[in-house]
Amino acid sequence: MDKLKYVGRGEFLTGVPMRDLTAEEILGMTPEIQRQIEICGLWVGEMPQPLTEINGIGQELMRALQAVGLTTAEQVRRADDRALLAIAGIGQKRLLEIRAAVGAAH
């Protein structure tokens, strides 16, 4: 899931919009605000997992994935194999390693 659905009925957290939140918005917030969003019950869905938290995704690969707009594990899971193979430095072997790291095999 690339967004959290807002289910609050007018309740809010200071500094957080009262609407659905995209993964990019959430990842741009401080860790403290992210924790508050996760536990407050005003949004439902799975919190996005940034690529920096995935074992097997190093800085160079992370930058290459981000350059094509893939910033979360969920986005990489859903990405087509051909799209990933089109990224410089990703071949069949690396593709399998990426799929294992994000928990998906296409």
PDB file of N, CA and C in Angstrom:
ATOM      1  N   MET A   1       0.852  -1.176   0.000  1.00  0.00           N
ATOM      2  CA  MET A   1       0.000   0.000   0.000  1.00  0.00           C
ATOM      3  C   MET A   1       0.893   1.234   0.000  1.00  0.00           C
ATOM      4  N   ASP A   2       0.565   2.190  -0.856  1.00  0.00           N
ATOM      5  CA  ASP A   2       1.367   3.401  -0.953  1.00  0.00           C
ATOM      6  C   ASP A   2       0.765   4.584  -0.227  1.00  0.00           C
ATOM      7  N   LYS A   3      -0.289   4.332   0.529  1.00  0.00           N
ATOM      8  CA  LYS A   3      -0.851   5.425   1.311  1.00  0.00           C
ATOM      9  C   LYS A   3      -1.568   4.880   2.526  1.00  0.00           C
ATOM     10  N   LEU A   4      -1.710   5.746   3.494  1.00  0.00           N
ATOM     11  CA  LEU A   4      -2.512   5.430   4.668  1.00  0.00           C
ATOM     12  C   LEU A   4      -3.843   6.152   4.506  1.00  0.00           C
ATOM     13  N   LYS A   5      -4.914   5.462   4.787  1.00  0.00           N
ATOM     14  CA  LYS A   5      -6.245   6.043   4.654  1.00  0.00           C
ATOM     15  C   LYS A   5      -6.637   6.736   5.950  1.00  0.00           C
ATOM     16  N   TYR A   6      -7.075   7.977   5.830  1.00  0.00           N
ATOM     17  CA  TYR A   6      -7.524   8.750   6.986  1.00  0.00           C
ATOM     18  C   TYR A   6      -8.922   8.289   7.377  1.00  0.00           C
ATOM     19  N   VAL A   7      -9.095   7.872   8.633  1.00  0.00           N
ATOM     20  CA  VAL A   7     -10.395   7.409   9.125  1.00  0.00           C
ATOM     21  C   VAL A   7     -10.851   8.224  10.323  1.00  0.00           C
ATOM     22  N   GLY A   8     -10.112   9.282  10.632  1.00  0.00           N
ATOM     23  CA  GLY A   8     -10.497  10.145  11.742  1.00  0.00           C
ATOM     24  C   GLY A   8     -11.758  10.921  11.397  1.00  0.00           C
ATOM     25  N   ARG A   9     -12.423  11.354  12.393  1.00  0.00           N
ATOM     26  CA  ARG A   9     -13.656  12.125  12.187  1.00  0.00           C
ATOM     27  C   ARG A   9     -13.445  13.539  12.710  1.00  0.00           C
ATOM     28  N   GLY A  10     -12.483  14.201  12.118  1.00  0.00           N
ATOM     29  CA  GLY A  10     -12.165  15.550  12.550  1.00  0.00           C
ATOM     30  C   GLY A  10     -11.017  15.613  13.537  1.00  0.00           C
ATOM     31  N   GLU A  11     -10.650  14.452  14.114  1.00  0.00           N
ATOM     32  CA  GLU A  11      -9.487  14.443  15.007  1.00  0.00           C
ATOM     33  C   GLU A  11      -8.241  14.627  14.142  1.00  0.00           C
ATOM     34  N   PHE A  12      -7.184  15.114  14.773  1.00  0.00           N
ATOM     35  CA  PHE A  12      -5.971  15.341  13.996  1.00  0.00           C
ATOM     36  C   PHE A  12      -4.740  15.300  14.881  1.00  0.00           C
ATOM     37  N   LEU A  13      -3.610  15.200  14.219  1.00  0.00           N
ATOM     38  CA  LEU A  13      -2.309  15.374  14.865  1.00  0.00           C
ATOM     39  C   LEU A  13      -1.771  16.705  14.369  1.00  0.00           C
ATOM     40  N   THR A  14      -1.241  17.497  15.257  1.00  0.00           N
ATOM     41  CA  THR A  14      -0.698  18.792  14.875  1.00  0.00           C
ATOM     42  C   THR A  14       0.347  18.622  13.773  1.00  0.00           C
ATOM     43  N   GLY A  15       0.160  19.362  12.695  1.00  0.00           N
ATOM     44  CA  GLY A  15       1.115  19.350  11.597  1.00  0.00           C
ATOM     45  C   GLY A  15       0.905  18.241  10.580  1.00  0.00           C
ATOM     46  N   VAL A  16      -0.137  17.424  10.762  1.00  0.00           N
ATOM     47  CA  VAL A  16      -0.393  16.325   9.830  1.00  0.00           C
ATOM     48  C   VAL A  16      -1.758  16.573   9.185  1.00  0.00           C
ATOM     49  N   PRO A  17      -1.826  16.558   7.848  1.00  0.00           N
ATOM     50  CA  PRO A  17      -3.105  16.817   7.184  1.00  0.00           C
ATOM     51  C   PRO A  17      -4.162  15.763   7.533  1.00  0.00           C
ATOM     52  N   MET A  18      -5.423  16.199   7.590  1.00  0.00           N
ATOM     53  CA  MET A  18      -6.548  15.295   7.880  1.00  0.00           C
ATOM     54  C   MET A  18      -7.049  14.717   6.557  1.00  0.00           C
ATOM     55  N   ARG A  19      -6.249  13.851   5.954  1.00  0.00           N
ATOM     56  CA  ARG A  19      -6.574  13.209   4.681  1.00  0.00           C
ATOM     57  C   ARG A  19      -5.673  11.997   4.520  1.00  0.00           C
ATOM     58  N   ASP A  20      -5.906  11.241   3.453  1.00  0.00           N
ATOM     59  CA  ASP A  20      -5.019  10.121   3.164  1.00  0.00           C
ATOM     60  C   ASP A  20      -3.603  10.662   2.985  1.00  0.00           C
ATOM     61  N   LEU A  21      -2.616   9.881   3.409  1.00  0.00           N
ATOM     62  CA  LEU A  21      -1.217  10.282   3.321  1.00  0.00           C
ATOM     63  C   LEU A  21      -0.466   9.336   2.407  1.00  0.00           C
ATOM     64  N   THR A  22       0.340   9.882   1.507  1.00  0.00           N
ATOM     65  CA  THR A  22       1.144   9.049   0.624  1.00  0.00           C
ATOM     66  C   THR A  22       2.404   8.583   1.354  1.00  0.00           C
ATOM     67  N   ALA A  23       3.005   7.537   0.821  1.00  0.00           N
ATOM     68  CA  ALA A  23       4.249   7.023   1.399  1.00  0.00           C
ATOM     69  C   ALA A  23       5.319   8.104   1.420  1.00  0.00           C
ATOM     70  N   GLU A  24       5.419   8.883   0.353  1.00  0.00           N
ATOM     71  CA  GLU A  24       6.435   9.921   0.282  1.00  0.00           C
ATOM     72  C   GLU A  24       6.216  10.973   1.365  1.00  0.00           C
ATOM     73  N   GLU A  25       4.951  11.341   1.606  1.00  0.00           N
ATOM     74  CA  GLU A  25       4.660  12.308   2.665  1.00  0.00           C
ATOM     75  C   GLU A  25       5.074  11.760   4.027  1.00  0.00           C
ATOM     76  N   ILE A  26       4.712  10.520   4.276  1.00  0.00           N
ATOM     77  CA  ILE A  26       5.018   9.907   5.570  1.00  0.00           C
ATOM     78  C   ILE A  26       6.518   9.810   5.781  1.00  0.00           C
ATOM     79  N   LEU A  27       7.235   9.355   4.753  1.00  0.00           N
ATOM     80  CA  LEU A  27       8.682   9.201   4.882  1.00  0.00           C
ATOM     81  C   LEU A  27       9.389  10.540   5.033  1.00  0.00           C
ATOM     82  N   GLY A  28       8.741  11.623   4.628  1.00  0.00           N
ATOM     83  CA  GLY A  28       9.308  12.958   4.791  1.00  0.00           C
ATOM     84  C   GLY A  28       9.083  13.548   6.180  1.00  0.00           C
ATOM     85  N   MET A  29       8.294  12.867   6.991  1.00  0.00           N
ATOM     86  CA  MET A  29       8.003  13.347   8.349  1.00  0.00           C
ATOM     87  C   MET A  29       9.042  12.828   9.328  1.00  0.00           C
ATOM     88  N   THR A  30       9.123  13.461  10.470  1.00  0.00           N
ATOM     89  CA  THR A  30      10.084  13.031  11.482  1.00  0.00           C
ATOM     90  C   THR A  30       9.696  11.646  12.016  1.00  0.00           C
ATOM     91  N   PRO A  31      10.670  10.900  12.518  1.00  0.00           N
ATOM     92  CA  PRO A  31      10.342   9.593  13.102  1.00  0.00           C
ATOM     93  C   PRO A  31       9.304   9.682  14.218  1.00  0.00           C
ATOM     94  N   GLU A  32       9.339  10.751  14.998  1.00  0.00           N
ATOM     95  CA  GLU A  32       8.359  10.918  16.080  1.00  0.00           C
ATOM     96  C   GLU A  32       6.944  11.060  15.519  1.00  0.00           C
ATOM     97  N   ILE A  33       6.777  11.876  14.501  1.00  0.00           N
ATOM     98  CA  ILE A  33       5.455  12.032  13.877  1.00  0.00           C
ATOM     99  C   ILE A  33       5.024  10.717  13.240  1.00  0.00           C
ATOM    100  N   GLN A  34       5.948  10.000  12.598  1.00  0.00           N
ATOM    101  CA  GLN A  34       5.613   8.701  12.011  1.00  0.00           C
ATOM    102  C   GLN A  34       5.096   7.744  13.077  1.00  0.00           C
ATOM    103  N   ARG A  35       5.746   7.726  14.241  1.00  0.00           N
ATOM    104  CA  ARG A  35       5.289   6.865  15.340  1.00  0.00           C
ATOM    105  C   ARG A  35       3.894   7.261  15.809  1.00  0.00           C
ATOM    106  N   GLN A  36       3.655   8.547  15.914  1.00  0.00           N
ATOM    107  CA  GLN A  36       2.340   9.026  16.345  1.00  0.00           C
ATOM    108  C   GLN A  36       1.259   8.622  15.343  1.00  0.00           C
ATOM    109  N   ILE A  37       1.557   8.752  14.058  1.00  0.00           N
ATOM    110  CA  ILE A  37       0.603   8.345  13.025  1.00  0.00           C
ATOM    111  C   ILE A  37       0.297   6.861  13.144  1.00  0.00           C
ATOM    112  N   GLU A  38       1.332   6.081  13.383  1.00  0.00           N
ATOM    113  CA  GLU A  38       1.177   4.632  13.461  1.00  0.00           C
ATOM    114  C   GLU A  38       0.295   4.197  14.630  1.00  0.00           C
ATOM    115  N   ILE A  39       0.370   4.890  15.761  1.00  0.00           N
ATOM    116  CA  ILE A  39      -0.342   4.420  16.951  1.00  0.00           C
ATOM    117  C   ILE A  39      -1.650   5.150  17.254  1.00  0.00           C
ATOM    118  N   CYS A  40      -1.902   6.278  16.594  1.00  0.00           N
ATOM    119  CA  CYS A  40      -3.055   7.096  16.993  1.00  0.00           C
ATOM    120  C   CYS A  40      -4.402   6.537  16.535  1.00  0.00           C
ATOM    121  N   GLY A  41      -4.427   5.705  15.501  1.00  0.00           N
ATOM    122  CA  GLY A  41      -5.689   5.148  15.033  1.00  0.00           C
ATOM    123  C   GLY A  41      -6.456   6.037  14.070  1.00  0.00           C
ATOM    124  N   LEU A  42      -5.886   7.172  13.680  1.00  0.00           N
ATOM    125  CA  LEU A  42      -6.567   8.066  12.746  1.00  0.00           C
ATOM    126  C   LEU A  42      -6.322   7.684  11.288  1.00  0.00           C
ATOM    127  N   TRP A  43      -5.333   6.851  11.051  1.00  0.00           N
ATOM    128  CA  TRP A  43      -5.019   6.360   9.711  1.00  0.00           C
ATOM    129  C   TRP A  43      -4.908   4.846   9.767  1.00  0.00           C
ATOM    130  N   VAL A  44      -5.357   4.195   8.723  1.00  0.00           N
ATOM    131  CA  VAL A  44      -5.243   2.743   8.652  1.00  0.00           C
ATOM    132  C   VAL A  44      -4.431   2.365   7.418  1.00  0.00           C
ATOM    133  N   GLY A  45      -3.778   1.239   7.516  1.00  0.00           N
ATOM    134  CA  GLY A  45      -2.936   0.740   6.442  1.00  0.00           C
ATOM    135  C   GLY A  45      -1.567   0.414   6.989  1.00  0.00           C
ATOM    136  N   GLU A  46      -0.728  -0.060   6.125  1.00  0.00           N
ATOM    137  CA  GLU A  46       0.625  -0.434   6.529  1.00  0.00           C
ATOM    138  C   GLU A  46       1.568   0.743   6.330  1.00  0.00           C
ATOM    139  N   MET A  47       2.316   1.065   7.371  1.00  0.00           N
ATOM    140  CA  MET A  47       3.297   2.147   7.265  1.00  0.00           C
ATOM    141  C   MET A  47       4.328   1.768   6.206  1.00  0.00           C
ATOM    142  N   PRO A  48       4.734   2.726   5.374  1.00  0.00           N
ATOM    143  CA  PRO A  48       5.721   2.419   4.337  1.00  0.00           C
ATOM    144  C   PRO A  48       7.073   2.070   4.939  1.00  0.00           C
ATOM    145  N   GLN A  49       7.743   1.121   4.323  1.00  0.00           N
ATOM    146  CA  GLN A  49       9.083   0.739   4.765  1.00  0.00           C
ATOM    147  C   GLN A  49      10.084   1.370   3.805  1.00  0.00           C
ATOM    148  N   PRO A  50      10.873   2.328   4.290  1.00  0.00           N
ATOM    149  CA  PRO A  50      11.852   2.953   3.402  1.00  0.00           C
ATOM    150  C   PRO A  50      12.931   1.970   2.989  1.00  0.00           C
ATOM    151  N   LEU A  51      13.500   2.198   1.834  1.00  0.00           N
ATOM    152  CA  LEU A  51      14.545   1.312   1.322  1.00  0.00           C
ATOM    153  C   LEU A  51      15.741   1.246   2.258  1.00  0.00           C
ATOM    154  N   THR A  52      15.977   2.290   3.036  1.00  0.00           N
ATOM    155  CA  THR A  52      17.129   2.306   3.940  1.00  0.00           C
ATOM    156  C   THR A  52      17.022   1.252   5.029  1.00  0.00           C
ATOM    157  N   GLU A  53      15.826   0.732   5.277  1.00  0.00           N
ATOM    158  CA  GLU A  53      15.632  -0.264   6.330  1.00  0.00           C
ATOM    159  C   GLU A  53      15.668  -1.702   5.817  1.00  0.00           C
ATOM    160  N   ILE A  54      15.997  -1.894   4.556  1.00  0.00           N
ATOM    161  CA  ILE A  54      15.958  -3.228   3.971  1.00  0.00           C
ATOM    162  C   ILE A  54      17.370  -3.780   3.834  1.00  0.00           C
ATOM    163  N   ASN A  55      17.643  -4.900   4.508  1.00  0.00           N
ATOM    164  CA  ASN A  55      18.936  -5.567   4.359  1.00  0.00           C
ATOM    165  C   ASN A  55      19.094  -6.010   2.918  1.00  0.00           C
ATOM    166  N   GLY A  56      20.252  -5.757   2.352  1.00  0.00           N
ATOM    167  CA  GLY A  56      20.514  -6.154   0.982  1.00  0.00           C
ATOM    168  C   GLY A  56      20.341  -5.017  -0.016  1.00  0.00           C
ATOM    169  N   ILE A  57      19.828  -3.894   0.443  1.00  0.00           N
ATOM    170  CA  ILE A  57      19.709  -2.711  -0.420  1.00  0.00           C
ATOM    171  C   ILE A  57      20.728  -1.689   0.079  1.00  0.00           C
ATOM    172  N   GLY A  58      21.834  -1.599  -0.629  1.00  0.00           N
ATOM    173  CA  GLY A  58      22.886  -0.662  -0.248  1.00  0.00           C
ATOM    174  C   GLY A  58      22.608   0.736  -0.786  1.00  0.00           C
ATOM    175  N   GLN A  59      23.483   1.656  -0.440  1.00  0.00           N
ATOM    176  CA  GLN A  59      23.302   3.067  -0.817  1.00  0.00           C
ATOM    177  C   GLN A  59      23.254   3.264  -2.335  1.00  0.00           C
ATOM    178  N   GLU A  60      24.145   2.617  -3.053  1.00  0.00           N
ATOM    179  CA  GLU A  60      24.195   2.798  -4.507  1.00  0.00           C
ATOM    180  C   GLU A  60      22.912   2.294  -5.165  1.00  0.00           C
ATOM    181  N   LEU A  61      22.479   1.106  -4.771  1.00  0.00           N
ATOM    182  CA  LEU A  61      21.248   0.554  -5.331  1.00  0.00           C
ATOM    183  C   LEU A  61      20.050   1.397  -4.905  1.00  0.00           C
ATOM    184  N   MET A  62      20.045   1.848  -3.665  1.00  0.00           N
ATOM    185  CA  MET A  62      18.947   2.672  -3.183  1.00  0.00           C
ATOM    186  C   MET A  62      18.832   3.945  -4.026  1.00  0.00           C
ATOM    187  N   ARG A  63      19.957   4.592  -4.317  1.00  0.00           N
ATOM    188  CA  ARG A  63      19.933   5.801  -5.142  1.00  0.00           C
ATOM    189  C   ARG A  63      19.420   5.504  -6.543  1.00  0.00           C
ATOM    190  N   ALA A  64      19.819   4.364  -7.107  1.00  0.00           N
ATOM    191  CA  ALA A  64      19.358   3.996  -8.455  1.00  0.00           C
ATOM    192  C   ALA A  64      17.846   3.755  -8.464  1.00  0.00           C
ATOM    193  N   LEU A  65      17.328   3.088  -7.438  1.00  0.00           N
ATOM    194  CA  LEU A  65      15.883   2.839  -7.347  1.00  0.00           C
ATOM    195  C   LEU A  65      15.127   4.152  -7.133  1.00  0.00           C
ATOM    196  N   GLN A  66      15.640   4.997  -6.274  1.00  0.00           N
ATOM    197  CA  GLN A  66      14.987   6.277  -6.014  1.00  0.00           C
ATOM    198  C   GLN A  66      14.981   7.163  -7.258  1.00  0.00           C
ATOM    199  N   ALA A  67      16.032   7.054  -8.071  1.00  0.00           N
ATOM    200  CA  ALA A  67      16.114   7.861  -9.289  1.00  0.00           C
ATOM    201  C   ALA A  67      14.979   7.557 -10.262  1.00  0.00           C
ATOM    202  N   VAL A  68      14.432   6.352 -10.184  1.00  0.00           N
ATOM    203  CA  VAL A  68      13.299   5.997 -11.053  1.00  0.00           C
ATOM    204  C   VAL A  68      11.978   6.041 -10.289  1.00  0.00           C
ATOM    205  N   GLY A  69      11.997   6.648  -9.100  1.00  0.00           N
ATOM    206  CA  GLY A  69      10.767   6.865  -8.353  1.00  0.00           C
ATOM    207  C   GLY A  69      10.370   5.774  -7.385  1.00  0.00           C
ATOM    208  N   LEU A  70      11.245   4.798  -7.143  1.00  0.00           N
ATOM    209  CA  LEU A  70      10.942   3.714  -6.208  1.00  0.00           C
ATOM    210  C   LEU A  70      11.579   4.044  -4.867  1.00  0.00           C
ATOM    211  N   THR A  71      10.744   4.413  -3.889  1.00  0.00           N
ATOM    212  CA  THR A  71      11.271   4.861  -2.605  1.00  0.00           C
ATOM    213  C   THR A  71      10.882   3.977  -1.434  1.00  0.00           C
ATOM    214  N   THR A  72       9.979   3.031  -1.669  1.00  0.00           N
ATOM    215  CA  THR A  72       9.541   2.147  -0.580  1.00  0.00           C
ATOM    216  C   THR A  72       9.641   0.686  -1.016  1.00  0.00           C
ATOM    217  N   ALA A  73       9.681  -0.186  -0.019  1.00  0.00           N
ATOM    218  CA  ALA A  73       9.724  -1.622  -0.300  1.00  0.00           C
ATOM    219  C   ALA A  73       8.497  -2.052  -1.105  1.00  0.00           C
ATOM    220  N   GLU A  74       7.339  -1.516  -0.776  1.00  0.00           N
ATOM    221  CA  GLU A  74       6.105  -1.871  -1.486  1.00  0.00           C
ATOM    222  C   GLU A  74       6.192  -1.502  -2.963  1.00  0.00           C
ATOM    223  N   GLN A  75       6.736  -0.338  -3.267  1.00  0.00           N
ATOM    224  CA  GLN A  75       6.879   0.071  -4.663  1.00  0.00           C
ATOM    225  C   GLN A  75       7.816  -0.869  -5.412  1.00  0.00           C
ATOM    226  N   VAL A  76       8.899  -1.282  -4.762  1.00  0.00           N
ATOM    227  CA  VAL A  76       9.836  -2.210  -5.401  1.00  0.00           C
ATOM    228  C   VAL A  76       9.179  -3.577  -5.579  1.00  0.00           C
ATOM    229  N   ARG A  77       8.402  -4.026  -4.580  1.00  0.00           N
ATOM    230  CA  ARG A  77       7.683  -5.305  -4.697  1.00  0.00           C
ATOM    231  C   ARG A  77       6.782  -5.321  -5.923  1.00  0.00           C
ATOM    232  N   ARG A  78       6.102  -4.208  -6.154  1.00  0.00           N
ATOM    233  CA  ARG A  78       5.134  -4.140  -7.253  1.00  0.00           C
ATOM    234  C   ARG A  78       5.771  -3.831  -8.607  1.00  0.00           C
ATOM    235  N   ALA A  79       7.029  -3.402  -8.598  1.00  0.00           N
ATOM    236  CA  ALA A  79       7.691  -3.033  -9.852  1.00  0.00           C
ATOM    237  C   ALA A  79       7.855  -4.253 -10.756  1.00  0.00           C
ATOM    238  N   ASP A  80       7.668  -4.020 -12.018  1.00  0.00           N
ATOM    239  CA  ASP A  80       7.826  -5.057 -13.024  1.00  0.00           C
ATOM    240  C   ASP A  80       9.305  -5.434 -13.162  1.00  0.00           C
ATOM    241  N   ASP A  81       9.568  -6.719 -13.354  1.00  0.00           N
ATOM    242  CA  ASP A  81      10.951  -7.171 -13.511  1.00  0.00           C
ATOM    243  C   ASP A  81      11.661  -6.418 -14.636  1.00  0.00           C
ATOM    244  N   ARG A  82      10.971  -6.208 -15.751  1.00  0.00           N
ATOM    245  CA  ARG A  82      11.604  -5.506 -16.886  1.00  0.00           C
ATOM    246  C   ARG A  82      12.014  -4.088 -16.503  1.00  0.00           C
ATOM    247  N   ALA A  83      11.190  -3.421 -15.698  1.00  0.00           N
ATOM    248  CA  ALA A  83      11.527  -2.060 -15.272  1.00  0.00           C
ATOM    249  C   ALA A  83      12.767  -2.070 -14.383  1.00  0.00           C
ATOM    250  N   LEU A  84      12.861  -3.057 -13.486  1.00  0.00           N
ATOM    251  CA  LEU A  84      14.035  -3.144 -12.616  1.00  0.00           C
ATOM    252  C   LEU A  84      15.279  -3.520 -13.414  1.00  0.00           C
ATOM    253  N   LEU A  85      15.122  -4.424 -14.362  1.00  0.00           N
ATOM    254  CA  LEU A  85      16.272  -4.827 -15.184  1.00  0.00           C
ATOM    255  C   LEU A  85      16.776  -3.690 -16.074  1.00  0.00           C
ATOM    256  N   ALA A  86      15.937  -2.697 -16.331  1.00  0.00           N
ATOM    257  CA  ALA A  86      16.336  -1.556 -17.156  1.00  0.00           C
ATOM    258  C   ALA A  86      17.226  -0.573 -16.379  1.00  0.00           C
ATOM    259  N   ILE A  87      17.307  -0.725 -15.081  1.00  0.00           N
ATOM    260  CA  ILE A  87      18.136   0.157 -14.253  1.00  0.00           C
ATOM    261  C   ILE A  87      19.586  -0.305 -14.348  1.00  0.00           C
ATOM    262  N   ALA A  88      20.478   0.637 -14.618  1.00  0.00           N
ATOM    263  CA  ALA A  88      21.906   0.316 -14.751  1.00  0.00           C
ATOM    264  C   ALA A  88      22.398  -0.401 -13.500  1.00  0.00           C
ATOM    265  N   GLY A  89      23.108  -1.493 -13.693  1.00  0.00           N
ATOM    266  CA  GLY A  89      23.675  -2.245 -12.582  1.00  0.00           C
ATOM    267  C   GLY A  89      22.792  -3.374 -12.070  1.00  0.00           C
ATOM    268  N   ILE A  90      21.590  -3.502 -12.613  1.00  0.00           N
ATOM    269  CA  ILE A  90      20.712  -4.590 -12.194  1.00  0.00           C
ATOM    270  C   ILE A  90      20.601  -5.609 -13.319  1.00  0.00           C
ATOM    271  N   GLY A  91      21.111  -6.793 -13.019  1.00  0.00           N
ATOM    272  CA  GLY A  91      20.978  -7.926 -13.932  1.00  0.00           C
ATOM    273  C   GLY A  91      20.104  -8.976 -13.272  1.00  0.00           C
ATOM    274  N   GLN A  92      20.041 -10.154 -13.869  1.00  0.00           N
ATOM    275  CA  GLN A  92      19.183 -11.217 -13.338  1.00  0.00           C
ATOM    276  C   GLN A  92      19.547 -11.591 -11.897  1.00  0.00           C
ATOM    277  N   LYS A  93      20.845 -11.734 -11.628  1.00  0.00           N
ATOM    278  CA  LYS A  93      21.266 -12.113 -10.283  1.00  0.00           C
ATOM    279  C   LYS A  93      20.865 -11.044  -9.258  1.00  0.00           C
ATOM    280  N   ARG A  94      21.145  -9.789  -9.585  1.00  0.00           N
ATOM    281  CA  ARG A  94      20.810  -8.690  -8.662  1.00  0.00           C
ATOM    282  C   ARG A  94      19.300  -8.571  -8.497  1.00  0.00           C
ATOM    283  N   LEU A  95      18.554  -8.822  -9.575  1.00  0.00           N
ATOM    284  CA  LEU A  95      17.098  -8.776  -9.494  1.00  0.00           C
ATOM    285  C   LEU A  95      16.589  -9.783  -8.470  1.00  0.00           C
ATOM    286  N   LEU A  96      17.130 -10.994  -8.504  1.00  0.00           N
ATOM    287  CA  LEU A  96      16.733 -12.015  -7.532  1.00  0.00           C
ATOM    288  C   LEU A  96      17.086 -11.591  -6.108  1.00  0.00           C
ATOM    289  N   GLU A  97      18.237 -10.951  -5.942  1.00  0.00           N
ATOM    290  CA  GLU A  97      18.634 -10.463  -4.619  1.00  0.00           C
ATOM    291  C   GLU A  97      17.676  -9.368  -4.138  1.00  0.00           C
ATOM    292  N   ILE A  98      17.276  -8.477  -5.032  1.00  0.00           N
ATOM    293  CA  ILE A  98      16.341  -7.405  -4.675  1.00  0.00           C
ATOM    294  C   ILE A  98      15.004  -8.001  -4.280  1.00  0.00           C
ATOM    295  N   ARG A  99      14.525  -8.958  -5.082  1.00  0.00           N
ATOM    296  CA  ARG A  99      13.233  -9.582  -4.787  1.00  0.00           C
ATOM    297  C   ARG A  99      13.275 -10.284  -3.417  1.00  0.00           C
ATOM    298  N   ALA A 100      14.379 -10.925  -3.122  1.00  0.00           N
ATOM    299  CA  ALA A 100      14.517 -11.589  -1.815  1.00  0.00           C
ATOM    300  C   ALA A 100      14.544 -10.545  -0.681  1.00  0.00           C
ATOM    301  N   ALA A 101      15.232  -9.430  -0.924  1.00  0.00           N
ATOM    302  CA  ALA A 101      15.361  -8.394   0.107  1.00  0.00           C
ATOM    303  C   ALA A 101      14.027  -7.740   0.440  1.00  0.00           C
ATOM    304  N   VAL A 102      13.177  -7.545  -0.560  1.00  0.00           N
ATOM    305  CA  VAL A 102      11.890  -6.876  -0.302  1.00  0.00           C
ATOM    306  C   VAL A 102      10.761  -7.874  -0.079  1.00  0.00           C
ATOM    307  N   GLY A 103      11.082  -9.162  -0.160  1.00  0.00           N
ATOM    308  CA  GLY A 103      10.081 -10.179   0.160  1.00  0.00           C
ATOM    309  C   GLY A 103       9.097 -10.466  -0.942  1.00  0.00           C
ATOM    310  N   ALA A 104       9.527 -10.344  -2.182  1.00  0.00           N
ATOM    311  CA  ALA A 104       8.633 -10.658  -3.297  1.00  0.00           C
ATOM    312  C   ALA A 104       9.412 -11.288  -4.426  1.00  0.00           C
ATOM    313  N   ALA A 105       8.819 -12.229  -5.084  1.00  0.00           N
ATOM    314  CA  ALA A 105       9.426 -12.832  -6.273  1.00  0.00           C
ATOM    315  C   ALA A 105       8.415 -12.775  -7.398  1.00  0.00           C
ATOM    316  N   HIS A 106       8.780 -12.105  -8.464  1.00  0.00           N
ATOM    317  CA  HIS A 106       7.876 -11.999  -9.632  1.00  0.00           C
ATOM    318  C   HIS A 106       8.175 -13.081 -10.619  1.00  0.00           C
TER     319      HIS A 106
END
